[in-house]
Amino acid sequence: MSIIERREITIPEAKKILESIGELDPLQRRVLDYTLKFSKLPAEEAGKLVEELVESGLERSIAVQIANCLPGSIEELRTFLGRQRIISKETMENLMRIIEKYRSKATSQ
């Protein structure tokens, strides 16, 4: 296996990749088990959410973290953005609207 591209991916995207591999080594198997437990969205939906968040001005790495956790409130969302960034209430509400669109598509565990 060789590296084709380096970029942050969501847990559901990692799950999809691992499921497409025929035989997994022990580490890959453990990672797949993790993804099965913690995936909240289908891979395609998680990718769309990340893209929408990036278009809204977030860095991809932060957008991936948000897509993995699907925060349910502005207070939870603020934990991903850090104290160093001051973000307007309107922007936070817009980000929450985007997240809420995808929360309804979240898979139940």
PDB file of N, CA and C in Angstrom:
ATOM      1  N   MET A   1       0.847  -1.167   0.000  1.00  0.00           N
ATOM      2  CA  MET A   1       0.000   0.000   0.000  1.00  0.00           C
ATOM      3  C   MET A   1       0.897   1.237   0.000  1.00  0.00           C
ATOM      4  N   SER A   2       0.528   2.225  -0.803  1.00  0.00           N
ATOM      5  CA  SER A   2       1.326   3.450  -0.856  1.00  0.00           C
ATOM      6  C   SER A   2       0.440   4.662  -0.574  1.00  0.00           C
ATOM      7  N   ILE A   3       1.082   5.742  -0.193  1.00  0.00           N
ATOM      8  CA  ILE A   3       0.363   6.975   0.120  1.00  0.00           C
ATOM      9  C   ILE A   3       0.065   7.700  -1.186  1.00  0.00           C
ATOM     10  N   ILE A   4      -1.195   7.982  -1.403  1.00  0.00           N
ATOM     11  CA  ILE A   4      -1.622   8.702  -2.599  1.00  0.00           C
ATOM     12  C   ILE A   4      -1.792  10.175  -2.278  1.00  0.00           C
ATOM     13  N   GLU A   5      -2.373  10.446  -1.109  1.00  0.00           N
ATOM     14  CA  GLU A   5      -2.667  11.823  -0.713  1.00  0.00           C
ATOM     15  C   GLU A   5      -2.710  11.881   0.809  1.00  0.00           C
ATOM     16  N   ARG A   6      -2.286  13.003   1.362  1.00  0.00           N
ATOM     17  CA  ARG A   6      -2.390  13.225   2.808  1.00  0.00           C
ATOM     18  C   ARG A   6      -3.394  14.330   3.070  1.00  0.00           C
ATOM     19  N   ARG A   7      -4.432  14.003   3.841  1.00  0.00           N
ATOM     20  CA  ARG A   7      -5.404  15.001   4.281  1.00  0.00           C
ATOM     21  C   ARG A   7      -6.204  14.397   5.412  1.00  0.00           C
ATOM     22  N   GLU A   8      -6.793  15.269   6.204  1.00  0.00           N
ATOM     23  CA  GLU A   8      -7.614  14.811   7.303  1.00  0.00           C
ATOM     24  C   GLU A   8      -8.901  14.217   6.739  1.00  0.00           C
ATOM     25  N   ILE A   9      -9.317  13.098   7.316  1.00  0.00           N
ATOM     26  CA  ILE A   9     -10.589  12.493   6.922  1.00  0.00           C
ATOM     27  C   ILE A   9     -11.418  12.234   8.169  1.00  0.00           C
ATOM     28  N   THR A  10     -12.710  12.114   7.963  1.00  0.00           N
ATOM     29  CA  THR A  10     -13.609  11.850   9.084  1.00  0.00           C
ATOM     30  C   THR A  10     -13.563  10.377   9.452  1.00  0.00           C
ATOM     31  N   ILE A  11     -14.095  10.068  10.612  1.00  0.00           N
ATOM     32  CA  ILE A  11     -14.176   8.676  11.055  1.00  0.00           C
ATOM     33  C   ILE A  11     -14.994   7.841  10.066  1.00  0.00           C
ATOM     34  N   PRO A  12     -16.167   8.325   9.591  1.00  0.00           N
ATOM     35  CA  PRO A  12     -16.918   7.526   8.618  1.00  0.00           C
ATOM     36  C   PRO A  12     -16.153   7.295   7.302  1.00  0.00           C
ATOM     37  N   GLU A  13     -15.364   8.276   6.871  1.00  0.00           N
ATOM     38  CA  GLU A  13     -14.562   8.089   5.660  1.00  0.00           C
ATOM     39  C   GLU A  13     -13.487   7.026   5.890  1.00  0.00           C
ATOM     40  N   ALA A  14     -12.881   7.021   7.068  1.00  0.00           N
ATOM     41  CA  ALA A  14     -11.891   5.990   7.406  1.00  0.00           C
ATOM     42  C   ALA A  14     -12.554   4.617   7.430  1.00  0.00           C
ATOM     43  N   LYS A  15     -13.754   4.549   7.966  1.00  0.00           N
ATOM     44  CA  LYS A  15     -14.508   3.290   8.013  1.00  0.00           C
ATOM     45  C   LYS A  15     -14.735   2.759   6.601  1.00  0.00           C
ATOM     46  N   LYS A  16     -15.149   3.636   5.704  1.00  0.00           N
ATOM     47  CA  LYS A  16     -15.424   3.230   4.318  1.00  0.00           C
ATOM     48  C   LYS A  16     -14.158   2.690   3.648  1.00  0.00           C
ATOM     49  N   ILE A  17     -13.039   3.368   3.871  1.00  0.00           N
ATOM     50  CA  ILE A  17     -11.768   2.926   3.285  1.00  0.00           C
ATOM     51  C   ILE A  17     -11.376   1.561   3.834  1.00  0.00           C
ATOM     52  N   LEU A  18     -11.459   1.403   5.141  1.00  0.00           N
ATOM     53  CA  LEU A  18     -11.063   0.129   5.752  1.00  0.00           C
ATOM     54  C   LEU A  18     -11.982  -1.012   5.324  1.00  0.00           C
ATOM     55  N   GLU A  19     -13.257  -0.722   5.164  1.00  0.00           N
ATOM     56  CA  GLU A  19     -14.187  -1.763   4.728  1.00  0.00           C
ATOM     57  C   GLU A  19     -13.917  -2.202   3.290  1.00  0.00           C
ATOM     58  N   SER A  20     -13.293  -1.328   2.504  1.00  0.00           N
ATOM     59  CA  SER A  20     -13.002  -1.669   1.106  1.00  0.00           C
ATOM     60  C   SER A  20     -11.740  -2.513   0.959  1.00  0.00           C
ATOM     61  N   ILE A  21     -10.943  -2.593   2.014  1.00  0.00           N
ATOM     62  CA  ILE A  21      -9.709  -3.381   1.983  1.00  0.00           C
ATOM     63  C   ILE A  21     -10.070  -4.832   2.272  1.00  0.00           C
ATOM     64  N   GLY A  22      -9.522  -5.722   1.513  1.00  0.00           N
ATOM     65  CA  GLY A  22      -9.824  -7.144   1.679  1.00  0.00           C
ATOM     66  C   GLY A  22      -9.470  -7.671   3.054  1.00  0.00           C
ATOM     67  N   GLU A  23      -8.214  -7.945   3.267  1.00  0.00           N
ATOM     68  CA  GLU A  23      -7.773  -8.519   4.537  1.00  0.00           C
ATOM     69  C   GLU A  23      -7.036  -7.456   5.342  1.00  0.00           C
ATOM     70  N   LEU A  24      -7.431  -7.281   6.592  1.00  0.00           N
ATOM     71  CA  LEU A  24      -6.850  -6.247   7.444  1.00  0.00           C
ATOM     72  C   LEU A  24      -5.819  -6.831   8.387  1.00  0.00           C
ATOM     73  N   ASP A  25      -4.765  -6.059   8.627  1.00  0.00           N
ATOM     74  CA  ASP A  25      -3.800  -6.476   9.645  1.00  0.00           C
ATOM     75  C   ASP A  25      -4.394  -6.130  11.018  1.00  0.00           C
ATOM     76  N   PRO A  26      -3.782  -6.575  12.105  1.00  0.00           N
ATOM     77  CA  PRO A  26      -4.372  -6.348  13.439  1.00  0.00           C
ATOM     78  C   PRO A  26      -4.626  -4.866  13.770  1.00  0.00           C
ATOM     79  N   LEU A  27      -3.713  -3.967  13.405  1.00  0.00           N
ATOM     80  CA  LEU A  27      -3.916  -2.552  13.689  1.00  0.00           C
ATOM     81  C   LEU A  27      -5.097  -2.010  12.879  1.00  0.00           C
ATOM     82  N   GLN A  28      -5.165  -2.351  11.618  1.00  0.00           N
ATOM     83  CA  GLN A  28      -6.279  -1.908  10.783  1.00  0.00           C
ATOM     84  C   GLN A  28      -7.608  -2.444  11.326  1.00  0.00           C
ATOM     85  N   ARG A  29      -7.609  -3.660  11.827  1.00  0.00           N
ATOM     86  CA  ARG A  29      -8.819  -4.258  12.394  1.00  0.00           C
ATOM     87  C   ARG A  29      -9.276  -3.465  13.626  1.00  0.00           C
ATOM     88  N   ARG A  30      -8.315  -3.080  14.480  1.00  0.00           N
ATOM     89  CA  ARG A  30      -8.659  -2.290  15.669  1.00  0.00           C
ATOM     90  C   ARG A  30      -9.201  -0.924  15.279  1.00  0.00           C
ATOM     91  N   VAL A  31      -8.601  -0.317  14.260  1.00  0.00           N
ATOM     92  CA  VAL A  31      -9.092   0.983  13.796  1.00  0.00           C
ATOM     93  C   VAL A  31     -10.491   0.830  13.214  1.00  0.00           C
ATOM     94  N   LEU A  32     -10.740  -0.231  12.461  1.00  0.00           N
ATOM     95  CA  LEU A  32     -12.078  -0.473  11.920  1.00  0.00           C
ATOM     96  C   LEU A  32     -13.091  -0.648  13.047  1.00  0.00           C
ATOM     97  N   ASP A  33     -12.736  -1.393  14.080  1.00  0.00           N
ATOM     98  CA  ASP A  33     -13.636  -1.557  15.229  1.00  0.00           C
ATOM     99  C   ASP A  33     -13.971  -0.198  15.841  1.00  0.00           C
ATOM    100  N   TYR A  34     -12.968   0.655  15.969  1.00  0.00           N
ATOM    101  CA  TYR A  34     -13.186   2.014  16.499  1.00  0.00           C
ATOM    102  C   TYR A  34     -14.163   2.780  15.606  1.00  0.00           C
ATOM    103  N   THR A  35     -13.937   2.724  14.293  1.00  0.00           N
ATOM    104  CA  THR A  35     -14.807   3.466  13.372  1.00  0.00           C
ATOM    105  C   THR A  35     -16.238   2.947  13.416  1.00  0.00           C
ATOM    106  N   LEU A  36     -16.397   1.660  13.609  1.00  0.00           N
ATOM    107  CA  LEU A  36     -17.750   1.090  13.705  1.00  0.00           C
ATOM    108  C   LEU A  36     -18.479   1.619  14.937  1.00  0.00           C
ATOM    109  N   LYS A  37     -17.748   1.825  16.012  1.00  0.00           N
ATOM    110  CA  LYS A  37     -18.354   2.318  17.255  1.00  0.00           C
ATOM    111  C   LYS A  37     -18.654   3.812  17.215  1.00  0.00           C
ATOM    112  N   PHE A  38     -17.810   4.591  16.543  1.00  0.00           N
ATOM    113  CA  PHE A  38     -17.894   6.038  16.674  1.00  0.00           C
ATOM    114  C   PHE A  38     -18.332   6.799  15.421  1.00  0.00           C
ATOM    115  N   SER A  39     -18.641   6.111  14.350  1.00  0.00           N
ATOM    116  CA  SER A  39     -19.160   6.797  13.161  1.00  0.00           C
ATOM    117  C   SER A  39     -20.574   7.277  13.444  1.00  0.00           C
ATOM    118  N   LYS A  40     -20.819   8.533  13.178  1.00  0.00           N
ATOM    119  CA  LYS A  40     -22.139   9.103  13.435  1.00  0.00           C
ATOM    120  C   LYS A  40     -22.912   9.391  12.154  1.00  0.00           C
ATOM    121  N   LEU A  41     -22.212   9.479  11.038  1.00  0.00           N
ATOM    122  CA  LEU A  41     -22.833   9.780   9.747  1.00  0.00           C
ATOM    123  C   LEU A  41     -22.321   8.796   8.706  1.00  0.00           C
ATOM    124  N   PRO A  42     -23.066   8.633   7.617  1.00  0.00           N
ATOM    125  CA  PRO A  42     -22.488   7.920   6.470  1.00  0.00           C
ATOM    126  C   PRO A  42     -21.310   8.720   5.916  1.00  0.00           C
ATOM    127  N   ALA A  43     -20.356   8.056   5.293  1.00  0.00           N
ATOM    128  CA  ALA A  43     -19.144   8.712   4.805  1.00  0.00           C
ATOM    129  C   ALA A  43     -19.450   9.867   3.855  1.00  0.00           C
ATOM    130  N   GLU A  44     -20.414   9.678   2.969  1.00  0.00           N
ATOM    131  CA  GLU A  44     -20.730  10.721   1.997  1.00  0.00           C
ATOM    132  C   GLU A  44     -21.268  11.972   2.699  1.00  0.00           C
ATOM    133  N   GLU A  45     -22.135  11.769   3.685  1.00  0.00           N
ATOM    134  CA  GLU A  45     -22.705  12.897   4.426  1.00  0.00           C
ATOM    135  C   GLU A  45     -21.636  13.607   5.243  1.00  0.00           C
ATOM    136  N   ALA A  46     -20.738  12.853   5.860  1.00  0.00           N
ATOM    137  CA  ALA A  46     -19.652  13.464   6.640  1.00  0.00           C
ATOM    138  C   ALA A  46     -18.769  14.318   5.733  1.00  0.00           C
ATOM    139  N   GLY A  47     -18.476  13.821   4.541  1.00  0.00           N
ATOM    140  CA  GLY A  47     -17.681  14.590   3.587  1.00  0.00           C
ATOM    141  C   GLY A  47     -18.369  15.879   3.170  1.00  0.00           C
ATOM    142  N   LYS A  48     -19.687  15.796   2.935  1.00  0.00           N
ATOM    143  CA  LYS A  48     -20.446  16.992   2.565  1.00  0.00           C
ATOM    144  C   LYS A  48     -20.455  18.004   3.701  1.00  0.00           C
ATOM    145  N   LEU A  49     -20.614  17.526   4.931  1.00  0.00           N
ATOM    146  CA  LEU A  49     -20.606  18.416   6.093  1.00  0.00           C
ATOM    147  C   LEU A  49     -19.264  19.136   6.198  1.00  0.00           C
ATOM    148  N   VAL A  50     -18.178  18.397   6.052  1.00  0.00           N
ATOM    149  CA  VAL A  50     -16.848  19.011   6.125  1.00  0.00           C
ATOM    150  C   VAL A  50     -16.716  20.088   5.060  1.00  0.00           C
ATOM    151  N   GLU A  51     -17.137  19.793   3.845  1.00  0.00           N
ATOM    152  CA  GLU A  51     -17.028  20.780   2.764  1.00  0.00           C
ATOM    153  C   GLU A  51     -17.851  22.031   3.060  1.00  0.00           C
ATOM    154  N   GLU A  52     -19.061  21.862   3.582  1.00  0.00           N
ATOM    155  CA  GLU A  52     -19.886  23.028   3.930  1.00  0.00           C
ATOM    156  C   GLU A  52     -19.235  23.863   5.021  1.00  0.00           C
ATOM    157  N   LEU A  53     -18.649  23.196   6.009  1.00  0.00           N
ATOM    158  CA  LEU A  53     -17.990  23.923   7.095  1.00  0.00           C
ATOM    159  C   LEU A  53     -16.754  24.661   6.589  1.00  0.00           C
ATOM    160  N   VAL A  54     -16.009  24.037   5.684  1.00  0.00           N
ATOM    161  CA  VAL A  54     -14.832  24.692   5.104  1.00  0.00           C
ATOM    162  C   VAL A  54     -15.272  25.902   4.284  1.00  0.00           C
ATOM    163  N   GLU A  55     -16.353  25.766   3.524  1.00  0.00           N
ATOM    164  CA  GLU A  55     -16.873  26.892   2.740  1.00  0.00           C
ATOM    165  C   GLU A  55     -17.328  28.034   3.645  1.00  0.00           C
ATOM    166  N   SER A  56     -17.692  27.698   4.885  1.00  0.00           N
ATOM    167  CA  SER A  56     -18.112  28.724   5.843  1.00  0.00           C
ATOM    168  C   SER A  56     -16.934  29.404   6.518  1.00  0.00           C
ATOM    169  N   GLY A  57     -15.724  28.984   6.175  1.00  0.00           N
ATOM    170  CA  GLY A  57     -14.545  29.658   6.687  1.00  0.00           C
ATOM    171  C   GLY A  57     -13.728  28.898   7.715  1.00  0.00           C
ATOM    172  N   LEU A  58     -14.103  27.672   8.032  1.00  0.00           N
ATOM    173  CA  LEU A  58     -13.328  26.899   9.005  1.00  0.00           C
ATOM    174  C   LEU A  58     -12.171  26.183   8.320  1.00  0.00           C
ATOM    175  N   GLU A  59     -11.121  25.932   9.090  1.00  0.00           N
ATOM    176  CA  GLU A  59     -10.014  25.121   8.587  1.00  0.00           C
ATOM    177  C   GLU A  59     -10.505  23.682   8.464  1.00  0.00           C
ATOM    178  N   ARG A  60      -9.952  22.958   7.497  1.00  0.00           N
ATOM    179  CA  ARG A  60     -10.400  21.578   7.263  1.00  0.00           C
ATOM    180  C   ARG A  60     -10.224  20.712   8.502  1.00  0.00           C
ATOM    181  N   SER A  61      -9.111  20.853   9.213  1.00  0.00           N
ATOM    182  CA  SER A  61      -8.875  20.003  10.387  1.00  0.00           C
ATOM    183  C   SER A  61      -9.951  20.209  11.450  1.00  0.00           C
ATOM    184  N   ILE A  62     -10.378  21.448  11.647  1.00  0.00           N
ATOM    185  CA  ILE A  62     -11.439  21.735  12.627  1.00  0.00           C
ATOM    186  C   ILE A  62     -12.774  21.213  12.114  1.00  0.00           C
ATOM    187  N   ALA A  63     -13.032  21.389  10.820  1.00  0.00           N
ATOM    188  CA  ALA A  63     -14.281  20.901  10.233  1.00  0.00           C
ATOM    189  C   ALA A  63     -14.394  19.385  10.378  1.00  0.00           C
ATOM    190  N   VAL A  64     -13.289  18.669  10.220  1.00  0.00           N
ATOM    191  CA  VAL A  64     -13.296  17.209  10.373  1.00  0.00           C
ATOM    192  C   VAL A  64     -13.625  16.836  11.819  1.00  0.00           C
ATOM    193  N   GLN A  65     -13.025  17.527  12.777  1.00  0.00           N
ATOM    194  CA  GLN A  65     -13.317  17.250  14.185  1.00  0.00           C
ATOM    195  C   GLN A  65     -14.791  17.481  14.494  1.00  0.00           C
ATOM    196  N   ILE A  66     -15.343  18.553  13.963  1.00  0.00           N
ATOM    197  CA  ILE A  66     -16.756  18.860  14.190  1.00  0.00           C
ATOM    198  C   ILE A  66     -17.639  17.788  13.561  1.00  0.00           C
ATOM    199  N   ALA A  67     -17.305  17.355  12.349  1.00  0.00           N
ATOM    200  CA  ALA A  67     -18.083  16.307  11.677  1.00  0.00           C
ATOM    201  C   ALA A  67     -18.016  14.988  12.440  1.00  0.00           C
ATOM    202  N   ASN A  68     -16.895  14.713  13.072  1.00  0.00           N
ATOM    203  CA  ASN A  68     -16.756  13.479  13.845  1.00  0.00           C
ATOM    204  C   ASN A  68     -17.617  13.495  15.107  1.00  0.00           C
ATOM    205  N   CYS A  69     -17.786  14.660  15.713  1.00  0.00           N
ATOM    206  CA  CYS A  69     -18.478  14.745  17.010  1.00  0.00           C
ATOM    207  C   CYS A  69     -19.907  15.269  16.924  1.00  0.00           C
ATOM    208  N   LEU A  70     -20.233  16.019  15.896  1.00  0.00           N
ATOM    209  CA  LEU A  70     -21.559  16.622  15.732  1.00  0.00           C
ATOM    210  C   LEU A  70     -22.041  17.316  17.008  1.00  0.00           C
ATOM    211  N   PRO A  71     -21.382  18.410  17.403  1.00  0.00           N
ATOM    212  CA  PRO A  71     -21.796  19.110  18.625  1.00  0.00           C
ATOM    213  C   PRO A  71     -23.253  19.554  18.546  1.00  0.00           C
ATOM    214  N   GLY A  72     -23.931  19.528  19.693  1.00  0.00           N
ATOM    215  CA  GLY A  72     -25.351  19.827  19.740  1.00  0.00           C
ATOM    216  C   GLY A  72     -25.701  21.231  20.207  1.00  0.00           C
ATOM    217  N   SER A  73     -24.700  22.018  20.575  1.00  0.00           N
ATOM    218  CA  SER A  73     -24.970  23.377  21.047  1.00  0.00           C
ATOM    219  C   SER A  73     -23.794  24.277  20.680  1.00  0.00           C
ATOM    220  N   ILE A  74     -24.042  25.573  20.772  1.00  0.00           N
ATOM    221  CA  ILE A  74     -22.978  26.540  20.486  1.00  0.00           C
ATOM    222  C   ILE A  74     -21.840  26.369  21.490  1.00  0.00           C
ATOM    223  N   GLU A  75     -22.165  26.061  22.737  1.00  0.00           N
ATOM    224  CA  GLU A  75     -21.126  25.869  23.752  1.00  0.00           C
ATOM    225  C   GLU A  75     -20.225  24.693  23.382  1.00  0.00           C
ATOM    226  N   GLU A  76     -20.826  23.596  22.916  1.00  0.00           N
ATOM    227  CA  GLU A  76     -20.023  22.442  22.494  1.00  0.00           C
ATOM    228  C   GLU A  76     -19.198  22.798  21.260  1.00  0.00           C
ATOM    229  N   LEU A  77     -19.791  23.515  20.336  1.00  0.00           N
ATOM    230  CA  LEU A  77     -19.091  23.921  19.118  1.00  0.00           C
ATOM    231  C   LEU A  77     -17.885  24.788  19.458  1.00  0.00           C
ATOM    232  N   ARG A  78     -18.038  25.673  20.432  1.00  0.00           N
ATOM    233  CA  ARG A  78     -16.964  26.577  20.829  1.00  0.00           C
ATOM    234  C   ARG A  78     -15.715  25.813  21.287  1.00  0.00           C
ATOM    235  N   THR A  79     -15.882  24.628  21.854  1.00  0.00           N
ATOM    236  CA  THR A  79     -14.721  23.848  22.314  1.00  0.00           C
ATOM    237  C   THR A  79     -13.809  23.456  21.152  1.00  0.00           C
ATOM    238  N   PHE A  80     -14.366  23.305  19.972  1.00  0.00           N
ATOM    239  CA  PHE A  80     -13.556  22.949  18.813  1.00  0.00           C
ATOM    240  C   PHE A  80     -12.835  24.155  18.218  1.00  0.00           C
ATOM    241  N   LEU A  81     -13.382  25.321  18.458  1.00  0.00           N
ATOM    242  CA  LEU A  81     -12.846  26.524  17.836  1.00  0.00           C
ATOM    243  C   LEU A  81     -11.752  27.180  18.665  1.00  0.00           C
ATOM    244  N   GLY A  82     -11.652  26.844  19.929  1.00  0.00           N
ATOM    245  CA  GLY A  82     -10.599  27.377  20.773  1.00  0.00           C
ATOM    246  C   GLY A  82     -10.868  28.795  21.228  1.00  0.00           C
ATOM    247  N   ARG A  83     -10.186  29.183  22.269  1.00  0.00           N
ATOM    248  CA  ARG A  83     -10.379  30.517  22.852  1.00  0.00           C
ATOM    249  C   ARG A  83      -9.681  31.599  22.039  1.00  0.00           C
ATOM    250  N   GLN A  84      -8.682  31.227  21.233  1.00  0.00           N
ATOM    251  CA  GLN A  84      -7.935  32.242  20.504  1.00  0.00           C
ATOM    252  C   GLN A  84      -8.742  32.889  19.387  1.00  0.00           C
ATOM    253  N   ARG A  85      -9.839  32.257  18.982  1.00  0.00           N
ATOM    254  CA  ARG A  85     -10.640  32.803  17.897  1.00  0.00           C
ATOM    255  C   ARG A  85     -11.923  33.425  18.445  1.00  0.00           C
ATOM    256  N   ILE A  86     -12.149  34.653  18.078  1.00  0.00           N
ATOM    257  CA  ILE A  86     -13.394  35.319  18.450  1.00  0.00           C
ATOM    258  C   ILE A  86     -14.317  35.232  17.241  1.00  0.00           C
ATOM    259  N   ILE A  87     -15.455  34.598  17.435  1.00  0.00           N
ATOM    260  CA  ILE A  87     -16.392  34.368  16.338  1.00  0.00           C
ATOM    261  C   ILE A  87     -17.735  34.975  16.718  1.00  0.00           C
ATOM    262  N   SER A  88     -18.340  35.662  15.779  1.00  0.00           N
ATOM    263  CA  SER A  88     -19.610  36.331  16.050  1.00  0.00           C
ATOM    264  C   SER A  88     -20.715  35.325  16.322  1.00  0.00           C
ATOM    265  N   LYS A  89     -21.726  35.785  17.027  1.00  0.00           N
ATOM    266  CA  LYS A  89     -22.877  34.952  17.353  1.00  0.00           C
ATOM    267  C   LYS A  89     -23.571  34.487  16.074  1.00  0.00           C
ATOM    268  N   GLU A  90     -23.656  35.349  15.081  1.00  0.00           N
ATOM    269  CA  GLU A  90     -24.301  35.005  13.817  1.00  0.00           C
ATOM    270  C   GLU A  90     -23.557  33.870  13.113  1.00  0.00           C
ATOM    271  N   THR A  91     -22.233  33.949  13.118  1.00  0.00           N
ATOM    272  CA  THR A  91     -21.423  32.905  12.494  1.00  0.00           C
ATOM    273  C   THR A  91     -21.614  31.583  13.222  1.00  0.00           C
ATOM    274  N   MET A  92     -21.616  31.628  14.547  1.00  0.00           N
ATOM    275  CA  MET A  92     -21.817  30.403  15.338  1.00  0.00           C
ATOM    276  C   MET A  92     -23.190  29.798  15.045  1.00  0.00           C
ATOM    277  N   GLU A  93     -24.197  30.640  14.967  1.00  0.00           N
ATOM    278  CA  GLU A  93     -25.547  30.146  14.673  1.00  0.00           C
ATOM    279  C   GLU A  93     -25.619  29.550  13.272  1.00  0.00           C
ATOM    280  N   ASN A  94     -24.918  30.151  12.324  1.00  0.00           N
ATOM    281  CA  ASN A  94     -24.874  29.610  10.966  1.00  0.00           C
ATOM    282  C   ASN A  94     -24.207  28.237  10.956  1.00  0.00           C
ATOM    283  N   LEU A  95     -23.091  28.122  11.667  1.00  0.00           N
ATOM    284  CA  LEU A  95     -22.407  26.828  11.761  1.00  0.00           C
ATOM    285  C   LEU A  95     -23.313  25.777  12.392  1.00  0.00           C
ATOM    286  N   MET A  96     -24.046  26.160  13.427  1.00  0.00           N
ATOM    287  CA  MET A  96     -24.959  25.210  14.077  1.00  0.00           C
ATOM    288  C   MET A  96     -26.081  24.790  13.129  1.00  0.00           C
ATOM    289  N   ARG A  97     -26.577  25.708  12.296  1.00  0.00           N
ATOM    290  CA  ARG A  97     -27.612  25.352  11.317  1.00  0.00           C
ATOM    291  C   ARG A  97     -27.085  24.303  10.343  1.00  0.00           C
ATOM    292  N   ILE A  98     -25.850  24.480   9.908  1.00  0.00           N
ATOM    293  CA  ILE A  98     -25.234  23.505   8.997  1.00  0.00           C
ATOM    294  C   ILE A  98     -25.126  22.148   9.688  1.00  0.00           C
ATOM    295  N   ILE A  99     -24.634  22.150  10.917  1.00  0.00           N
ATOM    296  CA  ILE A  99     -24.465  20.893  11.659  1.00  0.00           C
ATOM    297  C   ILE A  99     -25.810  20.218  11.885  1.00  0.00           C
ATOM    298  N   GLU A 100     -26.815  20.999  12.242  1.00  0.00           N
ATOM    299  CA  GLU A 100     -28.145  20.432  12.512  1.00  0.00           C
ATOM    300  C   GLU A 100     -28.736  19.732  11.295  1.00  0.00           C
ATOM    301  N   LYS A 101     -28.452  20.254  10.097  1.00  0.00           N
ATOM    302  CA  LYS A 101     -28.917  19.593   8.875  1.00  0.00           C
ATOM    303  C   LYS A 101     -28.439  18.150   8.822  1.00  0.00           C
ATOM    304  N   TYR A 102     -27.231  17.932   9.278  1.00  0.00           N
ATOM    305  CA  TYR A 102     -26.621  16.608   9.208  1.00  0.00           C
ATOM    306  C   TYR A 102     -26.891  15.754  10.446  1.00  0.00           C
ATOM    307  N   ARG A 103     -27.161  16.393  11.579  1.00  0.00           N
ATOM    308  CA  ARG A 103     -27.470  15.619  12.793  1.00  0.00           C
ATOM    309  C   ARG A 103     -28.682  14.741  12.580  1.00  0.00           C
ATOM    310  N   SER A 104     -29.648  15.222  11.788  1.00  0.00           N
ATOM    311  CA  SER A 104     -30.865  14.437  11.545  1.00  0.00           C
ATOM    312  C   SER A 104     -30.554  13.181  10.718  1.00  0.00           C
ATOM    313  N   LYS A 105     -29.405  13.174  10.041  1.00  0.00           N
ATOM    314  CA  LYS A 105     -28.992  12.021   9.223  1.00  0.00           C
ATOM    315  C   LYS A 105     -28.061  11.082   9.995  1.00  0.00           C
ATOM    316  N   ALA A 106     -27.780  11.428  11.233  1.00  0.00           N
ATOM    317  CA  ALA A 106     -26.831  10.646  12.040  1.00  0.00           C
ATOM    318  C   ALA A 106     -27.362   9.244  12.243  1.00  0.00           C
ATOM    319  N   THR A 107     -26.462   8.280  12.184  1.00  0.00           N
ATOM    320  CA  THR A 107     -26.835   6.877  12.389  1.00  0.00           C
ATOM    321  C   THR A 107     -26.985   6.614  13.877  1.00  0.00           C
ATOM    322  N   SER A 108     -27.952   5.825  14.215  1.00  0.00           N
ATOM    323  CA  SER A 108     -28.127   5.470  15.632  1.00  0.00           C
ATOM    324  C   SER A 108     -27.256   4.274  15.941  1.00  0.00           C
ATOM    325  N   GLN A 109     -26.633   4.331  17.085  1.00  0.00           N
ATOM    326  CA  GLN A 109     -25.717   3.251  17.502  1.00  0.00           C
ATOM    327  C   GLN A 109     -26.415   2.244  18.366  1.00  0.00           C
TER     328      GLN A 109
END
